[in-house]
Amino acid sequence: MIEKDFKIDFKSKRISYIPKKGATQDYKVQELYSFLMDTFDEPENMKYDIPMESVSKGKFRLVNGWKIDEKAKKRLKGGTLEPTK
């Protein structure tokens, strides 16, 4: 489950891949986007800037100064994730 493998550090604006022991599951970029949007629409998280936006079908962009670590990028398939501009 993506929510168990990806960690969101709200203060440093960083998304990391920290899987359970032995797990090496890949995820679609769309799955990460959906997970983040679900997380950030929770009342306690609405005070934070959203980390990602949809540019077009299968293409996403990090926004608002958010970063994603290399280990996390390697676990993402089936789409494009552009860095913050």
Protein backbone atom coordinates (compact mmCIF):
# COMPACT_ATOMS: atom_id res chain seq x y z
CA MET A 1 0.00 0.00 0.00
CA ILE A 2 1.41 3.31 -1.07
CA GLU A 3 0.63 5.06 2.22
CA LYS A 4 2.88 2.58 4.02
CA ASP A 5 5.80 2.92 1.59
CA PHE A 6 5.93 6.68 1.04
CA LYS A 7 6.65 9.20 3.80
CA ILE A 8 5.63 12.85 3.61
CA ASP A 9 7.76 15.31 5.56
CA PHE A 10 5.50 18.36 5.68
CA LYS A 11 8.09 20.68 7.25
CA SER A 12 10.97 20.00 4.85
CA LYS A 13 8.60 19.49 1.87
CA ARG A 14 10.13 16.11 1.01
CA ILE A 15 8.56 12.87 -0.20
CA SER A 16 10.56 9.72 0.53
CA TYR A 17 10.26 6.02 -0.20
CA ILE A 18 10.65 4.03 3.02
CA PRO A 19 9.18 0.59 2.40
CA LYS A 20 8.39 -2.05 4.95
CA LYS A 21 11.22 -4.53 5.41
CA GLY A 22 11.80 -6.44 2.18
CA ALA A 23 9.13 -4.61 0.17
CA THR A 24 10.07 -3.35 -3.30
CA GLN A 25 6.75 -2.53 -4.93
CA ASP A 26 6.54 -0.10 -7.84
CA TYR A 27 3.72 2.42 -8.10
CA LYS A 28 2.23 4.45 -10.92
CA VAL A 29 2.81 8.20 -10.76
CA GLN A 30 -1.00 8.56 -10.79
CA GLU A 31 -1.17 6.46 -7.60
CA LEU A 32 1.28 8.80 -5.86
CA TYR A 33 -0.72 11.82 -7.05
CA SER A 34 -4.00 10.35 -5.75
CA PHE A 35 -2.40 9.41 -2.43
CA LEU A 36 -1.00 12.92 -1.99
CA MET A 37 -4.29 14.62 -2.90
CA ASP A 38 -6.17 12.39 -0.44
CA THR A 39 -3.61 13.17 2.26
CA PHE A 40 -3.59 16.92 1.69
CA ASP A 41 -7.38 17.26 1.70
CA GLU A 42 -7.55 16.04 5.29
CA PRO A 43 -8.46 18.96 7.60
CA GLU A 44 -5.21 18.77 9.58
CA ASN A 45 -3.13 18.94 6.37
CA MET A 46 -4.95 21.74 4.55
CA LYS A 47 -2.56 24.29 6.02
CA TYR A 48 0.28 22.85 3.90
CA ASP A 49 1.01 23.59 0.24
CA ILE A 50 0.10 20.72 -2.07
CA PRO A 51 3.19 18.99 -3.48
CA MET A 52 2.04 17.95 -6.94
CA GLU A 53 -0.18 19.00 -9.82
CA SER A 54 -1.50 17.22 -12.88
CA VAL A 55 -0.21 18.74 -16.11
CA SER A 56 -1.90 16.32 -18.52
CA LYS A 57 -2.89 12.66 -18.59
CA GLY A 58 0.05 10.73 -17.12
CA LYS A 59 2.17 13.86 -16.64
CA PHE A 60 2.63 15.48 -13.24
CA ARG A 61 4.80 18.21 -11.72
CA LEU A 62 6.12 18.85 -8.24
CA VAL A 63 5.10 22.33 -7.08
CA ASN A 64 5.46 24.70 -4.14
CA GLY A 65 9.09 23.78 -3.47
CA TRP A 66 8.43 20.07 -2.85
CA LYS A 67 11.16 17.49 -3.55
CA ILE A 68 11.12 13.72 -3.96
CA ASP A 69 14.13 11.55 -3.18
CA GLU A 70 15.87 9.38 -5.78
CA LYS A 71 14.78 6.13 -4.15
CA ALA A 72 11.15 7.27 -4.42
CA LYS A 73 11.57 8.28 -8.08
CA LYS A 74 12.90 4.82 -8.92
CA ARG A 75 9.72 3.22 -7.54
CA LEU A 76 7.46 5.32 -9.80
CA LYS A 77 6.40 3.97 -13.19
CA GLY A 78 3.73 4.63 -15.79
CA GLY A 79 3.90 8.39 -16.03
CA THR A 80 6.14 11.43 -15.86
CA LEU A 81 7.00 13.45 -12.77
CA GLU A 82 8.69 16.77 -13.48
CA PRO A 83 10.71 18.54 -10.79
CA THR A 84 9.67 21.83 -9.21
CA LYS A 85 10.40 24.79 -11.47
